Protein backbone atom coordinates (compact mmCIF):
# COMPACT_ATOMS: atom_id res chain seq x y z
CA MET A 1 86.79 89.72 156.21
CA ALA A 2 85.29 90.27 159.64
CA SER A 3 85.51 94.04 159.24
CA VAL A 4 83.83 93.91 155.83
CA SER A 5 81.04 91.81 157.28
CA SER A 6 80.65 94.29 160.11
CA VAL A 7 80.32 97.17 157.66
CA LYS A 8 77.72 95.24 155.64
CA PHE A 9 75.80 94.45 158.81
CA PHE A 10 75.86 98.10 159.86
CA LEU A 11 74.59 99.27 156.47
CA CYS A 12 71.81 96.69 156.53
CA LEU A 13 70.86 97.79 160.03
CA VAL A 14 70.68 101.45 158.94
CA LEU A 15 68.50 100.54 155.96
CA TRP A 16 66.28 98.40 158.17
CA LEU A 17 65.80 101.26 160.62
CA PHE A 18 64.85 103.66 157.85
CA ASN A 19 62.42 101.24 156.26
CA PHE A 20 60.72 99.98 159.39
CA LEU A 21 60.11 103.04 161.51
CA PRO A 22 56.38 103.34 162.31
CA LEU A 23 54.28 104.96 159.60
CA SER A 24 53.33 108.05 161.55
CA GLN A 25 56.31 108.80 163.74
CA GLY A 26 60.07 109.09 163.50
CA THR A 27 62.38 109.58 166.45
CA GLU A 28 61.47 113.00 167.78
CA ASN A 29 64.84 114.18 169.05
CA SER A 30 65.18 117.52 167.32
CA ASN A 31 68.51 118.28 169.02
CA GLU A 32 70.15 115.77 166.69
CA TYR A 33 69.13 118.01 163.80
CA HIS A 34 70.49 121.22 165.29
CA TYR A 35 67.09 122.54 166.32
CA PRO A 36 67.45 122.75 170.12
CA PHE A 37 64.54 125.21 170.26
CA ILE A 38 62.05 122.53 169.12
CA LYS A 39 60.39 120.96 172.15
CA LYS A 40 57.38 118.87 172.99
CA ALA A 41 54.40 120.90 174.18
CA SER A 42 54.41 119.12 177.55
CA THR A 43 57.72 120.83 178.41
CA PHE A 44 56.06 124.24 178.34
CA SER A 45 55.89 126.07 181.65
CA SER A 46 52.69 127.93 182.41
CA SER A 47 54.07 129.55 185.54
CA PRO A 48 53.22 133.25 186.03
CA PRO A 49 55.68 135.66 184.37
CA SER A 50 58.21 137.58 186.41
CA ALA A 51 57.51 141.27 186.91
CA SER A 52 61.06 142.13 185.83
CA THR A 53 60.94 140.67 182.31
CA THR A 54 58.62 140.12 179.37
CA THR A 55 60.56 137.20 177.87
CA THR A 56 59.74 134.48 180.39
CA ASN A 57 58.60 130.98 179.60
CA ASN A 58 55.13 131.98 178.49
CA VAL A 59 55.27 135.66 177.43
CA TYR A 60 56.27 136.48 173.87
CA ASP A 61 56.44 139.33 171.39
CA TYR A 62 54.83 137.10 168.75
CA ILE A 63 52.84 133.89 169.03
CA ILE A 64 52.47 132.08 165.68
CA VAL A 65 49.79 129.41 165.47
CA GLY A 66 50.73 126.80 162.89
CA GLY A 67 54.25 125.64 162.02
CA GLY A 68 53.43 125.06 158.37
CA THR A 69 54.38 126.42 154.97
CA SER A 70 54.10 130.10 155.98
CA GLY A 71 54.49 129.80 159.76
CA CYS A 72 58.05 128.41 159.69
CA PRO A 73 59.65 131.14 157.53
CA LEU A 74 57.63 133.77 159.42
CA ALA A 75 58.87 132.54 162.80
CA ALA A 76 62.48 132.26 161.65
CA THR A 77 62.40 135.83 160.34
CA LEU A 78 60.69 137.50 163.31
CA SER A 79 63.02 135.75 165.76
CA GLN A 80 65.93 137.77 164.45
CA ASN A 81 64.76 140.66 166.63
CA PHE A 82 61.86 139.48 168.80
CA SER A 83 60.88 136.59 171.04
CA VAL A 84 58.70 134.17 169.11
CA LEU A 85 56.62 131.17 170.12
CA LEU A 86 55.66 128.90 167.23
CA VAL A 87 53.09 126.21 168.07
CA GLU A 88 52.46 123.21 165.83
CA ARG A 89 49.87 120.49 166.43
CA GLY A 90 51.92 117.78 164.68
CA GLY A 91 55.37 116.28 165.15
CA ILE A 92 58.66 116.78 163.33
CA PRO A 93 59.40 115.66 159.75
CA PHE A 94 63.16 115.17 159.98
CA THR A 95 63.23 111.52 161.05
CA ASN A 96 60.01 110.31 159.46
CA PRO A 97 60.93 108.28 156.34
CA ASN A 98 57.42 108.54 154.97
CA VAL A 99 57.81 112.30 154.88
CA SER A 100 61.45 112.35 153.84
CA PHE A 101 61.54 110.10 150.79
CA LEU A 102 59.87 110.59 147.43
CA ASP A 103 59.22 106.84 147.08
CA ASN A 104 57.04 107.01 150.19
CA PHE A 105 55.05 110.06 149.06
CA HIS A 106 51.75 108.19 149.00
CA ILE A 107 52.09 106.56 152.44
CA ASN A 108 51.57 109.79 154.38
CA LEU A 109 48.36 110.45 152.51
CA ALA A 110 47.17 106.87 152.85
CA ASP A 111 47.68 106.91 156.63
CA THR A 112 44.45 108.02 158.28
CA SER A 113 45.59 107.37 161.87
CA PRO A 114 45.31 110.18 164.47
CA THR A 115 49.08 110.72 164.42
CA SER A 116 49.54 110.78 160.65
CA ALA A 117 51.44 113.66 159.08
CA SER A 118 48.32 114.33 157.02
CA GLN A 119 44.77 114.71 158.26
CA TYR A 120 42.21 113.18 155.92
CA PHE A 121 38.99 115.03 155.20
CA ILE A 122 36.27 114.83 152.60
CA SER A 123 34.42 117.90 151.40
CA THR A 124 30.64 117.92 151.21
CA ASP A 125 31.16 117.73 147.42
CA GLY A 126 32.44 114.18 147.92
CA VAL A 127 36.07 114.87 147.01
CA MET A 128 38.67 113.32 149.31
CA ASN A 129 41.35 115.67 150.51
CA ALA A 130 44.17 116.13 153.05
CA ARG A 131 45.68 118.83 155.28
CA GLY A 132 49.11 118.89 156.89
CA ARG A 133 49.51 117.85 160.52
CA ILE A 134 53.27 118.12 160.96
CA LEU A 135 55.98 120.76 161.26
CA GLY A 136 56.44 122.05 157.72
CA GLY A 137 52.71 121.68 156.97
CA GLY A 138 51.87 121.08 153.33
CA THR A 139 55.54 121.05 152.31
CA SER A 140 55.88 117.82 154.30
CA ILE A 141 53.17 115.94 152.40
CA ASN A 142 52.91 117.53 148.94
CA ALA A 143 54.32 116.56 145.53
CA GLY A 144 57.20 119.01 145.90
CA PHE A 145 56.82 121.22 142.80
CA TYR A 146 58.20 124.73 143.24
CA THR A 147 57.21 127.63 141.00
CA ARG A 148 56.60 131.32 141.66
CA ALA A 149 53.45 133.37 141.23
CA SER A 150 52.99 135.46 138.10
CA THR A 151 53.87 139.14 137.94
CA ARG A 152 50.15 139.80 137.41
CA TYR A 153 49.36 138.05 140.68
CA ILE A 154 51.96 140.06 142.64
CA GLU A 155 50.53 143.28 141.26
CA LYS A 156 46.93 142.22 141.88
CA VAL A 157 47.43 141.52 145.59
CA GLY A 158 49.45 144.72 146.04
CA TRP A 159 52.69 143.23 147.37
CA ASP A 160 55.95 145.18 147.24
CA ALA A 161 57.68 143.61 144.20
CA LYS A 162 61.16 144.45 145.51
CA LEU A 163 60.51 142.73 148.83
CA VAL A 164 58.89 139.78 147.05
CA ASN A 165 62.03 139.36 144.96
CA GLU A 166 64.13 139.36 148.12
CA SER A 167 61.91 136.78 149.79
CA TYR A 168 61.66 134.10 147.11
CA PRO A 169 65.46 133.57 146.84
CA TRP A 170 65.76 133.28 150.62
CA VAL A 171 63.58 130.16 150.39
CA GLU A 172 65.12 128.86 147.16
CA ASN A 173 68.72 129.07 148.37
CA GLN A 174 67.89 126.79 151.28
CA ILE A 175 65.48 124.06 150.21
CA VAL A 176 64.81 124.16 146.45
CA TYR A 177 66.51 122.03 143.79
CA ARG A 178 66.57 121.42 140.07
CA PRO A 179 64.81 118.10 139.30
CA LYS A 180 66.67 115.18 137.73
CA PHE A 181 64.20 115.35 134.82
CA SER A 182 63.35 111.79 133.87
CA ALA A 183 62.57 110.42 130.42
CA TRP A 184 58.86 110.47 131.32
CA GLN A 185 58.94 114.19 132.06
CA ARG A 186 60.94 114.76 128.86
CA ALA A 187 58.22 113.01 126.87
CA ALA A 188 55.63 115.22 128.58
CA ARG A 189 57.60 118.35 127.70
CA ASP A 190 57.88 117.40 124.02
CA SER A 191 54.21 116.37 123.87
CA LEU A 192 53.07 119.67 125.36
CA LEU A 193 55.07 121.56 122.76
CA ASP A 194 53.57 119.40 120.00
CA ALA A 195 50.11 120.19 121.37
CA GLY A 196 50.82 123.91 121.02
CA VAL A 197 51.71 124.84 124.61
CA SER A 198 54.72 126.89 123.57
CA PRO A 199 57.36 128.25 123.76
CA PHE A 200 59.64 126.07 125.84
CA ASN A 201 60.93 128.28 128.67
CA GLY A 202 63.50 125.82 129.98
CA PHE A 203 64.17 125.44 133.70
CA THR A 204 62.76 128.41 135.57
CA TYR A 205 60.91 129.31 138.74
CA ASP A 206 59.04 132.06 136.88
CA HIS A 207 55.42 131.82 135.76
CA LYS A 208 55.45 132.10 131.96
CA TYR A 209 53.00 131.03 129.27
CA GLY A 210 54.27 127.93 127.52
CA THR A 211 55.99 124.79 128.77
CA LYS A 212 58.64 124.81 131.49
CA VAL A 213 60.51 122.71 134.01
CA GLY A 214 60.14 124.02 137.56
CA GLY A 215 61.96 123.49 140.84
CA THR A 216 61.38 120.84 143.48
CA ILE A 217 61.93 120.45 147.21
CA PHE A 218 63.20 116.89 146.58
CA ASP A 219 66.97 116.73 146.14
CA ARG A 220 68.71 114.44 143.62
CA PHE A 221 68.59 111.57 146.12
CA GLY A 222 64.79 111.84 146.42
CA HIS A 223 65.02 113.37 149.91
CA ARG A 224 62.38 115.99 150.79
CA HIS A 225 63.33 119.38 152.23
CA THR A 226 60.46 121.13 154.00
CA ALA A 227 59.62 124.57 155.33
CA ALA A 228 60.65 123.25 158.76
CA GLU A 229 64.28 123.47 157.65
CA LEU A 230 63.89 127.23 157.29
CA LEU A 231 63.73 127.36 161.10
CA ALA A 232 67.48 126.71 161.12
CA HIS A 233 67.88 130.38 160.17
CA GLY A 234 65.97 131.59 163.20
CA ASN A 235 67.62 133.04 166.28
CA PRO A 236 67.83 130.09 168.71
CA HIS A 237 67.92 132.47 171.68
CA LYS A 238 64.62 134.11 170.75
CA LEU A 239 62.73 131.24 169.09
CA THR A 240 60.72 128.51 170.80
CA VAL A 241 58.92 125.85 168.74
CA LEU A 242 56.41 123.56 170.43
CA ILE A 243 55.31 120.38 168.67
CA HIS A 244 52.16 118.41 169.50
CA ALA A 245 50.67 121.70 170.71
CA THR A 246 47.05 121.96 169.57
CA VAL A 247 45.65 125.47 169.94
CA GLN A 248 42.06 125.38 171.11
CA ARG A 249 41.32 129.08 171.04
CA ILE A 250 42.75 132.56 171.04
CA VAL A 251 42.31 134.53 174.28
CA PHE A 252 40.94 138.10 174.06
CA ASP A 253 40.52 141.10 176.30
CA THR A 254 37.04 142.39 175.49
CA THR A 255 36.82 145.14 178.10
CA GLY A 256 37.89 147.92 175.73
CA LYS A 257 36.30 149.43 172.62
CA ARG A 258 37.85 146.71 170.45
CA PRO A 259 38.71 143.11 171.28
CA LYS A 260 42.44 142.63 171.82
CA ALA A 261 44.31 139.34 171.46
CA MET A 262 46.15 138.42 174.65
CA GLY A 263 47.43 134.93 173.95
CA ILE A 264 46.37 131.35 173.28
CA ILE A 265 45.09 128.26 175.08
CA PHE A 266 46.58 125.00 173.81
CA LYS A 267 46.76 121.38 174.86
CA ASP A 268 49.91 119.26 174.82
CA GLU A 269 50.41 115.68 173.66
CA ASN A 270 49.06 114.43 177.00
CA GLY A 271 45.89 116.51 176.82
CA LYS A 272 47.01 119.01 179.47
CA GLN A 273 46.03 122.64 178.86
CA HIS A 274 48.53 125.53 178.80
CA LYS A 275 48.28 129.27 178.30
CA ALA A 276 50.84 131.37 176.43
CA ILE A 277 50.46 135.14 176.52
CA LEU A 278 51.72 138.12 174.59
CA GLY A 279 53.92 140.81 176.08
CA SER A 280 52.41 144.19 176.88
CA ASP A 281 53.67 145.98 173.77
CA LYS A 282 50.73 147.04 171.63
CA LYS A 283 52.55 145.80 168.53
CA SER A 284 52.90 142.27 169.86
CA GLU A 285 50.60 139.89 168.01
CA VAL A 286 49.07 136.48 167.71
CA ILE A 287 49.57 135.50 164.06
CA VAL A 288 47.46 132.64 162.75
CA SER A 289 49.19 130.58 160.03
CA SER A 290 47.19 127.37 160.24
CA GLY A 291 46.25 127.11 156.58
CA ALA A 292 43.05 127.46 154.60
CA ILE A 293 41.21 124.95 156.79
CA GLY A 294 42.82 125.53 160.19
CA THR A 295 42.84 129.33 160.23
CA PRO A 296 39.14 130.05 159.65
CA GLN A 297 38.34 127.12 161.93
CA LEU A 298 40.40 128.63 164.77
CA LEU A 299 38.92 132.11 164.29
CA LEU A 300 35.43 130.61 164.52
CA LEU A 301 36.32 128.56 167.61
CA SER A 302 37.71 131.75 169.16
CA GLY A 303 34.49 133.71 168.61
CA ILE A 304 35.26 135.57 165.37
CA GLY A 305 32.76 134.80 162.62
CA PRO A 306 29.06 134.87 161.72
CA LYS A 307 27.17 135.51 164.97
CA SER A 308 24.30 133.14 164.16
CA GLU A 309 26.69 130.23 163.44
CA LEU A 310 28.69 130.83 166.62
CA GLU A 311 25.62 131.07 168.83
CA LYS A 312 24.32 127.72 167.54
CA LEU A 313 27.43 126.11 169.06
CA ASN A 314 27.33 128.23 172.24
CA ILE A 315 30.57 130.01 171.31
CA SER A 316 30.91 133.45 172.91
CA VAL A 317 30.92 136.04 170.14
CA VAL A 318 34.02 138.24 170.19
CA LEU A 319 33.41 139.79 166.76
CA ASP A 320 30.52 139.29 164.35
CA ASN A 321 32.07 138.88 160.87
CA LYS A 322 29.93 137.12 158.29
CA PHE A 323 32.88 136.58 155.93
CA VAL A 324 34.96 134.20 158.06
CA GLY A 325 35.01 130.80 156.35
CA LYS A 326 33.44 132.15 153.16
CA GLY A 327 34.92 132.18 149.65
CA MET A 328 36.55 128.74 149.97
CA ALA A 329 37.88 127.46 146.65
CA ASP A 330 39.76 124.43 145.39
CA ASN A 331 41.29 124.04 141.94
CA PRO A 332 39.48 121.09 140.32
CA MET A 333 41.73 118.52 138.70
CA ASN A 334 40.97 115.76 136.20
CA THR A 335 43.34 113.20 134.75
CA ILE A 336 44.06 110.94 131.80
CA PHE A 337 45.89 107.65 132.37
CA VAL A 338 48.91 106.94 130.16
CA PRO A 339 49.62 103.20 129.83
CA SER A 340 53.16 101.92 129.32
CA LYS A 341 54.83 98.64 128.42
CA ARG A 342 58.13 100.06 129.67
CA PRO A 343 59.03 100.10 133.40
CA ILE A 344 58.39 103.64 134.61
CA GLN A 345 60.39 105.50 137.25
CA GLN A 346 58.36 107.29 139.89
CA THR A 347 58.27 111.04 139.32
CA LEU A 348 56.05 113.70 140.80
CA ILE A 349 55.47 117.14 139.28
CA GLU A 350 58.43 118.56 137.30
CA THR A 351 57.02 119.77 133.97
CA VAL A 352 54.09 122.12 133.51
CA GLY A 353 52.22 123.56 130.56
CA ILE A 354 50.83 127.03 131.30
CA THR A 355 48.08 127.74 128.79
CA LYS A 356 46.22 130.89 127.86
CA VAL A 357 42.83 129.20 128.31
CA GLY A 358 43.08 129.05 132.11
CA VAL A 359 44.33 125.47 132.43
CA TYR A 360 47.60 123.99 133.71
CA ILE A 361 48.83 120.62 132.43
CA GLU A 362 51.18 118.57 134.64
CA THR A 363 52.22 114.94 134.91
CA SER A 364 53.25 112.25 137.37
CA SER A 365 54.44 108.71 136.74
CA GLY A 366 55.24 105.36 138.26
CA PHE A 367 54.87 104.23 141.84
CA GLY A 368 57.13 103.82 144.86
CA GLN A 369 59.27 100.72 145.21
CA SER A 370 60.45 100.99 148.82
CA ASN A 371 59.77 98.24 151.36
CA ASN A 372 56.94 100.30 152.84
CA SER A 373 55.30 101.09 149.52
CA ILE A 374 51.71 100.16 148.80
CA HIS A 375 51.82 97.71 145.92
CA CYS A 376 49.93 98.46 142.71
CA HIS A 377 49.02 101.99 143.75
CA HIS A 378 48.66 104.76 141.17
CA GLY A 379 51.23 107.15 142.61
CA LEU A 380 49.82 110.66 142.72
CA LEU A 381 46.41 109.39 141.63
CA SER A 382 46.16 106.53 144.08
CA ALA A 383 42.83 105.41 145.48
CA GLU A 384 44.72 104.70 148.69
CA ILE A 385 45.46 108.39 149.16
CA GLY A 386 41.94 109.47 148.37
CA GLN A 387 42.51 110.40 144.72
CA LEU A 388 39.80 108.04 143.51
CA SER A 389 38.46 109.37 140.21
CA THR A 390 36.77 106.17 139.09
CA ILE A 391 33.64 106.82 141.16
CA PRO A 392 31.50 109.99 140.99
CA PRO A 393 32.14 112.30 143.98
CA LYS A 394 28.90 111.77 145.87
CA GLN A 395 29.46 108.01 145.77
CA ARG A 396 33.00 108.18 147.16
CA SER A 397 33.33 106.83 150.66
CA ARG A 398 35.90 105.03 152.77
CA GLU A 399 34.01 101.82 152.01
CA ALA A 400 34.16 102.48 148.27
CA VAL A 401 37.89 103.13 148.45
CA GLU A 402 38.51 99.96 150.46
CA ALA A 403 36.43 97.91 148.00
CA PHE A 404 38.35 99.38 145.07
CA ILE A 405 41.69 98.57 146.71
CA LYS A 406 40.60 95.04 147.52
CA ASN A 407 39.46 94.33 143.98
CA LYS A 408 42.63 95.87 142.57
CA LYS A 409 44.87 93.36 144.36
CA ASP A 410 43.97 90.70 141.80
CA ILE A 411 45.06 92.86 138.87
CA PRO A 412 48.63 92.20 137.61
CA ILE A 413 51.09 94.89 138.62
CA GLU A 414 51.85 95.50 134.94
CA ALA A 415 48.39 97.02 134.58
CA PHE A 416 49.51 99.94 136.71
CA LYS A 417 52.65 100.83 134.79
CA GLY A 418 52.46 104.28 133.34
CA GLY A 419 51.39 107.62 134.68
CA PHE A 420 48.87 110.42 134.47
CA ILE A 421 48.45 113.68 132.65
CA LEU A 422 46.84 116.13 135.06
CA SER A 423 44.59 118.97 133.96
CA LYS A 424 44.01 121.65 136.60
CA VAL A 425 41.62 124.59 136.26
CA ALA A 426 43.43 127.78 137.21
CA ASN A 427 41.66 130.36 139.38
CA PRO A 428 38.25 128.68 139.75
CA TRP A 429 35.26 130.99 139.86
CA SER A 430 33.24 128.48 141.87
CA THR A 431 33.46 129.03 145.63
CA GLY A 432 31.99 127.54 148.77
CA GLU A 433 32.32 127.84 152.52
CA LEU A 434 33.66 126.36 155.75
CA LYS A 435 31.48 125.81 158.81
CA LEU A 436 32.14 124.26 162.19
CA MET A 437 30.62 120.86 162.89
CA ASN A 438 31.33 121.15 166.61
CA THR A 439 33.73 122.89 169.01
CA ASN A 440 36.40 120.18 168.93
CA VAL A 441 39.47 121.59 167.19
CA ASP A 442 40.68 118.05 166.37
CA ASP A 443 37.67 117.43 164.16
CA ASN A 444 37.55 118.66 160.59
CA PRO A 445 35.02 121.40 159.89
CA ASN A 446 32.45 121.02 157.11
CA VAL A 447 33.98 122.29 153.87
CA THR A 448 32.19 122.85 150.57
CA PHE A 449 34.04 123.91 147.40
CA ASN A 450 31.16 123.69 144.87
CA TYR A 451 33.36 122.33 142.07
CA PHE A 452 32.15 123.42 138.60
CA ASN A 453 29.28 125.46 140.04
CA HIS A 454 30.31 128.23 137.65
CA PRO A 455 29.99 127.34 133.95
CA ASN A 456 33.34 129.02 133.20
CA ASP A 457 35.15 126.39 135.29
CA LEU A 458 33.38 123.56 133.50
CA GLN A 459 34.20 125.01 130.09
CA ARG A 460 37.89 125.26 131.01
CA CYS A 461 37.89 121.68 132.28
CA VAL A 462 36.58 120.49 128.90
CA GLU A 463 39.36 122.43 127.14
CA GLY A 464 41.90 120.94 129.54
CA ILE A 465 40.74 117.36 128.92
CA ARG A 466 40.93 117.89 125.16
CA LEU A 467 44.46 119.23 125.50
CA ALA A 468 45.52 116.46 127.90
CA THR A 469 44.28 113.86 125.40
CA LYS A 470 46.40 115.42 122.64
CA VAL A 471 49.40 115.21 124.94
CA VAL A 472 48.79 111.53 125.70
CA GLN A 473 48.30 110.69 122.01
CA SER A 474 51.53 112.43 120.98
CA GLN A 475 54.16 110.26 119.31
CA HIS A 476 56.63 111.29 122.04
CA PHE A 477 54.58 109.40 124.61
CA THR A 478 53.72 106.46 122.37
CA ASN A 479 57.39 106.07 121.39
CA TYR A 480 58.55 106.21 124.98
CA THR A 481 55.87 103.98 126.51
CA MET A 482 56.03 101.49 123.59
CA PHE A 483 52.23 101.49 123.72
CA ASN A 484 50.18 101.82 120.55
CA ARG A 485 48.37 105.11 120.11
CA GLN A 486 45.08 104.80 121.98
CA THR A 487 41.81 106.14 120.70
CA THR A 488 40.08 108.74 122.81
CA GLN A 489 37.50 106.17 123.85
CA GLU A 490 40.20 103.69 124.93
CA LEU A 491 42.03 106.35 126.95
CA PHE A 492 38.90 107.29 128.84
CA ASN A 493 38.06 103.65 129.45
CA LEU A 494 41.53 103.13 130.96
CA THR A 495 41.11 106.21 133.12
CA VAL A 496 37.73 105.27 134.49
CA LYS A 497 38.22 101.53 134.84
CA ALA A 498 35.29 101.08 137.19
CA ASN A 499 31.97 100.05 135.64
CA VAL A 500 30.29 103.43 135.56
CA ASN A 501 28.39 104.95 132.68
CA PHE A 502 29.93 108.37 132.17
CA ILE A 503 32.51 107.55 129.51
CA PRO A 504 32.59 110.40 126.95
CA LYS A 505 31.57 109.38 123.45
CA ASN A 506 34.27 111.49 121.78
CA LEU A 507 36.22 114.70 122.21
CA ASN A 508 33.67 116.69 120.21
CA ASP A 509 30.87 115.69 122.56
CA THR A 510 31.01 118.69 124.91
CA LYS A 511 28.07 117.54 127.01
CA SER A 512 29.69 114.15 127.57
CA LEU A 513 33.03 115.77 128.46
CA GLU A 514 31.29 118.04 130.94
CA GLN A 515 29.90 114.97 132.66
CA PHE A 516 33.36 113.40 132.62
CA CYS A 517 34.71 116.52 134.37
CA ARG A 518 32.02 116.41 137.04
CA ASP A 519 32.29 112.69 137.68
CA THR A 520 36.08 112.34 137.74
CA VAL A 521 37.01 115.54 139.59
CA ILE A 522 39.67 115.20 142.27
CA THR A 523 41.93 117.62 144.11
CA ILE A 524 45.56 118.61 143.81
CA TRP A 525 45.40 120.03 147.36
CA HIS A 526 45.52 123.70 146.33
CA TYR A 527 42.44 124.82 148.27
CA HIS A 528 42.46 128.37 149.61
CA GLY A 529 40.32 131.18 151.01
CA GLY A 530 38.19 131.68 154.10
CA CYS A 531 39.94 134.83 155.39
CA HIS A 532 40.06 137.17 152.43
CA VAL A 533 41.74 140.57 152.37
CA GLY A 534 39.17 143.36 152.71
CA LYS A 535 36.64 141.04 154.36
CA VAL A 536 38.39 139.30 157.26
CA ILE A 537 41.80 141.00 157.21
CA ASN A 538 43.04 144.35 155.94
CA SER A 539 45.86 144.97 153.45
CA GLU A 540 48.38 144.64 156.30
CA TYR A 541 47.02 141.16 157.09
CA LYS A 542 45.59 142.31 160.43
CA VAL A 543 42.17 140.96 161.39
CA ILE A 544 39.59 143.68 160.87
CA GLY A 545 37.97 144.91 164.10
CA VAL A 546 40.47 143.18 166.42
CA ASP A 547 43.77 144.42 167.84
CA ARG A 548 46.98 142.38 167.96
CA LEU A 549 45.72 139.59 165.68
CA SER A 550 46.88 138.81 162.12
CA VAL A 551 46.56 136.05 159.53
CA VAL A 552 49.42 135.01 157.24
CA ASP A 553 48.74 131.97 155.05
CA GLY A 554 46.78 130.64 152.07
CA SER A 555 43.42 131.36 153.68
CA THR A 556 43.95 134.97 152.57
CA PHE A 557 44.18 134.05 148.85
CA THR A 558 41.31 134.62 146.43
CA GLU A 559 43.18 132.53 143.87
CA SER A 560 45.97 129.98 144.12
CA PRO A 561 49.26 131.65 143.08
CA GLY A 562 51.16 130.16 140.15
CA THR A 563 50.63 126.61 138.97
CA ASN A 564 51.43 125.29 142.48
CA PRO A 565 51.22 127.56 145.54
CA GLN A 566 53.86 126.35 148.02
CA ALA A 567 56.60 128.70 146.75
CA THR A 568 54.42 131.75 147.28
CA VAL A 569 53.09 130.62 150.66
CA MET A 570 56.67 130.19 151.95
CA MET A 571 57.63 133.49 150.35
CA LEU A 572 54.68 135.17 152.08
CA GLY A 573 55.94 134.02 155.50
CA ARG A 574 59.37 135.52 154.84
CA TYR A 575 57.85 138.63 153.19
CA MET A 576 55.53 139.43 156.09
CA GLY A 577 58.29 138.75 158.62
CA LEU A 578 60.60 141.22 156.89
CA LYS A 579 57.79 143.74 156.51
CA ILE A 580 56.92 143.57 160.21
CA LEU A 581 60.56 143.93 161.25
CA ARG A 582 61.19 146.89 158.94
CA ASP A 583 57.93 148.60 159.89
CA ARG A 584 58.76 148.29 163.61
CA LEU A 585 62.51 148.86 163.59
CA GLY A 586 63.44 150.47 160.28
CA LYS A 587 67.16 150.11 159.51
CA LEU A 588 67.76 148.82 163.02
CA ALA A 589 66.06 145.56 161.98
CA GLY A 590 69.25 144.61 160.12
CA VAL A 591 67.35 142.59 157.50
């Protein structure tokens, strides 16, 4: 009996440890996870390099800024043949339960502390948003859905299709799974087919018109697998990963005809500055993979951008390029609440309807039940994580969110059973810009997306809301949720429960639906742009007008690939790594 009690005690202790680790940090001992090359930034030596070698503590063939969705696969690939330094401003995801478990999905996004895995920001449009601040980047905080870009997209951007089809499976074989496919998602699938989003394409990673079930980076136990795990396939003898290393600027040699990247200046977790430099080979590079917010921000802080903007902040101009930070876009999303009398399991994105009218329909359901979970939250559409669609954008503030949460505590938990049908506008035509607020890299820049500025986006939103309503009213959902079929008016009233006056009169009232789109717009975190090909970088992803500097991430996209971009961003890291190796070494690359 004593031994049984001991086992029970041990299991309880393990569960307690997992549930009660601090919100923002796990134990940061990466050696336990077979990543001995991951180190805290404060361990970095800035001593001068030896004259006899170019692979000392601070001289590298490649320096990659940003250990996110593209940076991790890129670093792992390049390290097969070259010395690589990967610097990430956040910590590690492996021991952080709020990153690792699906039930805790919302907690990362609700945590606005300086050490959170996600960094909260709000665009000038008034839409609350988040950016990754952890190894693995967006893959450590997103909803996990995995689906490839369309063939049209691959052709449009000019990628080598053969190399693309080598790169996707490299990611998929390591961290992608088939979802468990809950009854809620099954009802969504059948409802989409009833609404005419056909045919059913089954389980596939491919982008096909119709309804499909895609992949996920959550395994069958609800455990998240991030891009950080792709680092396990790097060469541990040639790869160094620094965490809590915040890059403040790129260092250039401006004595020649063209500026040339020489290295980076970064600060460690204690605030101490360090300098890492590239080797002397002309093909060595600094590669910026800091995402659609971080990459244009770093280029601007380093003196590459519109001259007039840089001079206002007393930043020395390295290269005058008016396009840096321009062309920012975010796919607008609107939702319809689906009430349920049946207990609903938490699911994130698994099923998607790919329409021919430029709209994607997805769904999420339930809410987390772990000890750390926020009670009565709305899962993917939680006010606590900034997805507050019950208040028009310009009126959204931290105070408004807190007031909403406070008032919600008195509502019975049963009121929040159910889920949401999500309508996302594909390839928005409306674009905005990113500008620096100051020269502090820790502060978010000013970002404007101009949601629905183009009438085409607004028209597609109206079509999406009409389709989403048909899905919700389908007998497959009413049968499963045991909730009587709601009228359109009742559905909208449930969705916008706050006392505001923009409830659409009916589905035929286009003007009213347009206002609904404007007033309930939120994000699904698929923002992109700021460093477009042909304007900031060339077709080889090298920064135009500068030597030894490239950009590889979602800031290069003019449209978000597929229904959800993470698959293609990870693929791009692997793709560009292979391309660089093969271009430099040919068959000797061995990859």
